[in-house]
Amino acid sequence: MSKIKIKQIRSGIGRPIDQKRTLVALGLNKMHRTVEHEINPQIMGMINKVKHLLEIEEL
């Protein structure tokens, strides 16, 4: 399986609660944190929901 590196580059402050919860579910709870996840449909759906707050790099 391939992996994806996700970095939060914009704040979740002032965003709808579902977007805030999506960031937490991805493991991003502070600015400029980076996490790695396996690529699967669930992760890609969460990324698509908050893609305007993230920087994405495929490994």
PDB file of N, CA and C in Angstrom:
ATOM      1  N   MET A   1       0.847  -1.187   0.000  1.00  0.00           N
ATOM      2  CA  MET A   1       0.000   0.000   0.000  1.00  0.00           C
ATOM      3  C   MET A   1       0.888   1.245   0.000  1.00  0.00           C
ATOM      4  N   SER A   2       0.409   2.272  -0.661  1.00  0.00           N
ATOM      5  CA  SER A   2       1.148   3.525  -0.659  1.00  0.00           C
ATOM      6  C   SER A   2       0.684   4.389   0.501  1.00  0.00           C
ATOM      7  N   LYS A   3       1.542   5.311   0.869  1.00  0.00           N
ATOM      8  CA  LYS A   3       1.249   6.186   1.998  1.00  0.00           C
ATOM      9  C   LYS A   3       1.101   7.617   1.508  1.00  0.00           C
ATOM     10  N   ILE A   4       0.513   8.427   2.367  1.00  0.00           N
ATOM     11  CA  ILE A   4       0.326   9.839   2.085  1.00  0.00           C
ATOM     12  C   ILE A   4       0.750  10.620   3.324  1.00  0.00           C
ATOM     13  N   LYS A   5       1.436  11.735   3.117  1.00  0.00           N
ATOM     14  CA  LYS A   5       1.873  12.598   4.216  1.00  0.00           C
ATOM     15  C   LYS A   5       0.968  13.823   4.220  1.00  0.00           C
ATOM     16  N   ILE A   6       0.388  14.125   5.368  1.00  0.00           N
ATOM     17  CA  ILE A   6      -0.576  15.214   5.495  1.00  0.00           C
ATOM     18  C   ILE A   6      -0.060  16.211   6.523  1.00  0.00           C
ATOM     19  N   LYS A   7      -0.043  17.494   6.161  1.00  0.00           N
ATOM     20  CA  LYS A   7       0.396  18.550   7.068  1.00  0.00           C
ATOM     21  C   LYS A   7      -0.694  19.609   7.157  1.00  0.00           C
ATOM     22  N   GLN A   8      -1.034  20.004   8.378  1.00  0.00           N
ATOM     23  CA  GLN A   8      -2.042  21.049   8.566  1.00  0.00           C
ATOM     24  C   GLN A   8      -1.360  22.394   8.409  1.00  0.00           C
ATOM     25  N   ILE A   9      -1.832  23.213   7.450  1.00  0.00           N
ATOM     26  CA  ILE A   9      -1.217  24.511   7.189  1.00  0.00           C
ATOM     27  C   ILE A   9      -2.139  25.683   7.518  1.00  0.00           C
ATOM     28  N   ARG A  10      -3.418  25.396   7.770  1.00  0.00           N
ATOM     29  CA  ARG A  10      -4.357  26.453   8.157  1.00  0.00           C
ATOM     30  C   ARG A  10      -5.123  26.000   9.382  1.00  0.00           C
ATOM     31  N   SER A  11      -5.555  26.954  10.164  1.00  0.00           N
ATOM     32  CA  SER A  11      -6.206  26.674  11.435  1.00  0.00           C
ATOM     33  C   SER A  11      -7.638  26.194  11.264  1.00  0.00           C
ATOM     34  N   GLY A  12      -8.088  25.418  12.232  1.00  0.00           N
ATOM     35  CA  GLY A  12      -9.469  24.965  12.268  1.00  0.00           C
ATOM     36  C   GLY A  12     -10.380  25.927  13.020  1.00  0.00           C
ATOM     37  N   ILE A  13      -9.826  27.004  13.551  1.00  0.00           N
ATOM     38  CA  ILE A  13     -10.621  27.977  14.299  1.00  0.00           C
ATOM     39  C   ILE A  13     -11.620  28.643  13.355  1.00  0.00           C
ATOM     40  N   GLY A  14     -12.864  28.710  13.779  1.00  0.00           N
ATOM     41  CA  GLY A  14     -13.909  29.348  12.991  1.00  0.00           C
ATOM     42  C   GLY A  14     -14.486  28.449  11.914  1.00  0.00           C
ATOM     43  N   ARG A  15     -14.072  27.197  11.873  1.00  0.00           N
ATOM     44  CA  ARG A  15     -14.583  26.250  10.890  1.00  0.00           C
ATOM     45  C   ARG A  15     -15.765  25.492  11.486  1.00  0.00           C
ATOM     46  N   PRO A  16     -16.616  24.916  10.650  1.00  0.00           N
ATOM     47  CA  PRO A  16     -17.726  24.095  11.159  1.00  0.00           C
ATOM     48  C   PRO A  16     -17.206  22.930  11.994  1.00  0.00           C
ATOM     49  N   ILE A  17     -18.009  22.479  12.932  1.00  0.00           N
ATOM     50  CA  ILE A  17     -17.607  21.434  13.872  1.00  0.00           C
ATOM     51  C   ILE A  17     -17.235  20.140  13.163  1.00  0.00           C
ATOM     52  N   ASP A  18     -17.895  19.819  12.039  1.00  0.00           N
ATOM     53  CA  ASP A  18     -17.551  18.584  11.333  1.00  0.00           C
ATOM     54  C   ASP A  18     -16.147  18.644  10.736  1.00  0.00           C
ATOM     55  N   GLN A  19     -15.705  19.828  10.304  1.00  0.00           N
ATOM     56  CA  GLN A  19     -14.341  19.971   9.800  1.00  0.00           C
ATOM     57  C   GLN A  19     -13.325  19.867  10.925  1.00  0.00           C
ATOM     58  N   LYS A  20     -13.638  20.431  12.080  1.00  0.00           N
ATOM     59  CA  LYS A  20     -12.744  20.325  13.237  1.00  0.00           C
ATOM     60  C   LYS A  20     -12.586  18.867  13.661  1.00  0.00           C
ATOM     61  N   ARG A  21     -13.690  18.135  13.686  1.00  0.00           N
ATOM     62  CA  ARG A  21     -13.645  16.723  14.074  1.00  0.00           C
ATOM     63  C   ARG A  21     -12.904  15.884  13.039  1.00  0.00           C
ATOM     64  N   THR A  22     -12.998  16.261  11.779  1.00  0.00           N
ATOM     65  CA  THR A  22     -12.273  15.549  10.740  1.00  0.00           C
ATOM     66  C   THR A  22     -10.768  15.733  10.918  1.00  0.00           C
ATOM     67  N   LEU A  23     -10.338  16.942  11.259  1.00  0.00           N
ATOM     68  CA  LEU A  23      -8.917  17.179  11.520  1.00  0.00           C
ATOM     69  C   LEU A  23      -8.425  16.320  12.678  1.00  0.00           C
ATOM     70  N   VAL A  24      -9.206  16.249  13.748  1.00  0.00           N
ATOM     71  CA  VAL A  24      -8.830  15.431  14.906  1.00  0.00           C
ATOM     72  C   VAL A  24      -8.792  13.949  14.518  1.00  0.00           C
ATOM     73  N   ALA A  25      -9.745  13.506  13.710  1.00  0.00           N
ATOM     74  CA  ALA A  25      -9.780  12.115  13.277  1.00  0.00           C
ATOM     75  C   ALA A  25      -8.561  11.762  12.426  1.00  0.00           C
ATOM     76  N   LEU A  26      -8.037  12.737  11.689  1.00  0.00           N
ATOM     77  CA  LEU A  26      -6.827  12.517  10.902  1.00  0.00           C
ATOM     78  C   LEU A  26      -5.574  12.541  11.770  1.00  0.00           C
ATOM     79  N   GLY A  27      -5.707  12.995  13.019  1.00  0.00           N
ATOM     80  CA  GLY A  27      -4.554  13.073  13.916  1.00  0.00           C
ATOM     81  C   GLY A  27      -3.891  14.429  13.904  1.00  0.00           C
ATOM     82  N   LEU A  28      -4.589  15.423  13.389  1.00  0.00           N
ATOM     83  CA  LEU A  28      -4.047  16.787  13.318  1.00  0.00           C
ATOM     84  C   LEU A  28      -4.804  17.666  14.308  1.00  0.00           C
ATOM     85  N   ASN A  29      -4.133  18.055  15.382  1.00  0.00           N
ATOM     86  CA  ASN A  29      -4.813  18.900  16.357  1.00  0.00           C
ATOM     87  C   ASN A  29      -4.098  20.225  16.590  1.00  0.00           C
ATOM     88  N   LYS A  30      -2.956  20.439  15.949  1.00  0.00           N
ATOM     89  CA  LYS A  30      -2.248  21.712  16.028  1.00  0.00           C
ATOM     90  C   LYS A  30      -1.666  22.037  14.660  1.00  0.00           C
ATOM     91  N   MET A  31      -1.386  23.304  14.463  1.00  0.00           N
ATOM     92  CA  MET A  31      -0.825  23.778  13.201  1.00  0.00           C
ATOM     93  C   MET A  31       0.548  23.164  12.955  1.00  0.00           C
ATOM     94  N   HIS A  32       0.851  22.939  11.695  1.00  0.00           N
ATOM     95  CA  HIS A  32       2.153  22.460  11.218  1.00  0.00           C
ATOM     96  C   HIS A  32       2.523  21.083  11.737  1.00  0.00           C
ATOM     97  N   ARG A  33       1.540  20.307  12.176  1.00  0.00           N
ATOM     98  CA  ARG A  33       1.776  18.910  12.525  1.00  0.00           C
ATOM     99  C   ARG A  33       1.685  18.084  11.254  1.00  0.00           C
ATOM    100  N   THR A  34       2.460  17.018  11.205  1.00  0.00           N
ATOM    101  CA  THR A  34       2.472  16.133  10.041  1.00  0.00           C
ATOM    102  C   THR A  34       2.158  14.714  10.483  1.00  0.00           C
ATOM    103  N   VAL A  35       1.315  14.027   9.716  1.00  0.00           N
ATOM    104  CA  VAL A  35       0.994  12.625   9.974  1.00  0.00           C
ATOM    105  C   VAL A  35       1.089  11.859   8.657  1.00  0.00           C
ATOM    106  N   GLU A  36       1.288  10.552   8.772  1.00  0.00           N
ATOM    107  CA  GLU A  36       1.295   9.681   7.611  1.00  0.00           C
ATOM    108  C   GLU A  36       0.169   8.669   7.754  1.00  0.00           C
ATOM    109  N   HIS A  37      -0.533   8.428   6.654  1.00  0.00           N
ATOM    110  CA  HIS A  37      -1.627   7.455   6.631  1.00  0.00           C
ATOM    111  C   HIS A  37      -1.507   6.609   5.378  1.00  0.00           C
ATOM    112  N   GLU A  38      -2.023   5.384   5.470  1.00  0.00           N
ATOM    113  CA  GLU A  38      -2.174   4.545   4.287  1.00  0.00           C
ATOM    114  C   GLU A  38      -3.306   5.138   3.441  1.00  0.00           C
ATOM    115  N   ILE A  39      -3.158   5.058   2.134  1.00  0.00           N
ATOM    116  CA  ILE A  39      -4.207   5.576   1.251  1.00  0.00           C
ATOM    117  C   ILE A  39      -5.332   4.545   1.186  1.00  0.00           C
ATOM    118  N   ASN A  40      -6.536   4.975   1.576  1.00  0.00           N
ATOM    119  CA  ASN A  40      -7.743   4.162   1.444  1.00  0.00           C
ATOM    120  C   ASN A  40      -8.922   5.111   1.253  1.00  0.00           C
ATOM    121  N   PRO A  41     -10.069   4.618   0.847  1.00  0.00           N
ATOM    122  CA  PRO A  41     -11.208   5.510   0.551  1.00  0.00           C
ATOM    123  C   PRO A  41     -11.654   6.366   1.745  1.00  0.00           C
ATOM    124  N   GLN A  42     -11.566   5.826   2.963  1.00  0.00           N
ATOM    125  CA  GLN A  42     -11.995   6.585   4.139  1.00  0.00           C
ATOM    126  C   GLN A  42     -11.082   7.787   4.382  1.00  0.00           C
ATOM    127  N   ILE A  43      -9.777   7.577   4.312  1.00  0.00           N
ATOM    128  CA  ILE A  43      -8.818   8.665   4.521  1.00  0.00           C
ATOM    129  C   ILE A  43      -8.941   9.694   3.402  1.00  0.00           C
ATOM    130  N   MET A  44      -9.093   9.241   2.166  1.00  0.00           N
ATOM    131  CA  MET A  44      -9.218  10.180   1.056  1.00  0.00           C
ATOM    132  C   MET A  44     -10.486  11.018   1.169  1.00  0.00           C
ATOM    133  N   GLY A  45     -11.567  10.443   1.694  1.00  0.00           N
ATOM    134  CA  GLY A  45     -12.791  11.203   1.918  1.00  0.00           C
ATOM    135  C   GLY A  45     -12.603  12.281   2.973  1.00  0.00           C
ATOM    136  N   MET A  46     -11.889  11.939   4.052  1.00  0.00           N
ATOM    137  CA  MET A  46     -11.624  12.935   5.102  1.00  0.00           C
ATOM    138  C   MET A  46     -10.717  14.043   4.575  1.00  0.00           C
ATOM    139  N   ILE A  47      -9.704  13.677   3.795  1.00  0.00           N
ATOM    140  CA  ILE A  47      -8.804  14.681   3.215  1.00  0.00           C
ATOM    141  C   ILE A  47      -9.574  15.605   2.287  1.00  0.00           C
ATOM    142  N   ASN A  48     -10.456  15.047   1.483  1.00  0.00           N
ATOM    143  CA  ASN A  48     -11.238  15.854   0.546  1.00  0.00           C
ATOM    144  C   ASN A  48     -12.117  16.864   1.274  1.00  0.00           C
ATOM    145  N   LYS A  49     -12.597  16.502   2.458  1.00  0.00           N
ATOM    146  CA  LYS A  49     -13.478  17.383   3.221  1.00  0.00           C
ATOM    147  C   LYS A  49     -12.750  18.621   3.745  1.00  0.00           C
ATOM    148  N   VAL A  50     -11.463  18.468   4.093  1.00  0.00           N
ATOM    149  CA  VAL A  50     -10.705  19.586   4.679  1.00  0.00           C
ATOM    150  C   VAL A  50      -9.451  19.905   3.862  1.00  0.00           C
ATOM    151  N   LYS A  51      -9.479  19.653   2.556  1.00  0.00           N
ATOM    152  CA  LYS A  51      -8.286  19.839   1.734  1.00  0.00           C
ATOM    153  C   LYS A  51      -7.803  21.290   1.688  1.00  0.00           C
ATOM    154  N   HIS A  52      -8.686  22.239   1.958  1.00  0.00           N
ATOM    155  CA  HIS A  52      -8.302  23.646   1.956  1.00  0.00           C
ATOM    156  C   HIS A  52      -7.475  24.018   3.192  1.00  0.00           C
ATOM    157  N   LEU A  53      -7.397  23.114   4.177  1.00  0.00           N
ATOM    158  CA  LEU A  53      -6.607  23.357   5.384  1.00  0.00           C
ATOM    159  C   LEU A  53      -5.308  22.556   5.398  1.00  0.00           C
ATOM    160  N   LEU A  54      -5.086  21.730   4.382  1.00  0.00           N
ATOM    161  CA  LEU A  54      -3.996  20.761   4.413  1.00  0.00           C
ATOM    162  C   LEU A  54      -3.031  20.951   3.257  1.00  0.00           C
ATOM    163  N   GLU A  55      -1.829  20.409   3.472  1.00  0.00           N
ATOM    164  CA  GLU A  55      -0.834  20.250   2.417  1.00  0.00           C
ATOM    165  C   GLU A  55      -0.588  18.750   2.309  1.00  0.00           C
ATOM    166  N   ILE A  56      -0.699  18.197   1.113  1.00  0.00           N
ATOM    167  CA  ILE A  56      -0.679  16.748   0.932  1.00  0.00           C
ATOM    168  C   ILE A  56       0.504  16.375   0.042  1.00  0.00           C
ATOM    169  N   GLU A  57       1.218  15.318   0.454  1.00  0.00           N
ATOM    170  CA  GLU A  57       2.350  14.821  -0.307  1.00  0.00           C
ATOM    171  C   GLU A  57       2.280  13.299  -0.357  1.00  0.00           C
ATOM    172  N   GLU A  58       2.350  12.742  -1.540  1.00  0.00           N
ATOM    173  CA  GLU A  58       2.302  11.295  -1.683  1.00  0.00           C
ATOM    174  C   GLU A  58       3.716  10.734  -1.542  1.00  0.00           C
ATOM    175  N   LEU A  59       3.859   9.668  -0.769  1.00  0.00           N
ATOM    176  CA  LEU A  59       5.171   9.076  -0.539  1.00  0.00           C
ATOM    177  C   LEU A  59       5.431   7.904  -1.454  1.00  0.00           C
TER     178      LEU A  59
END
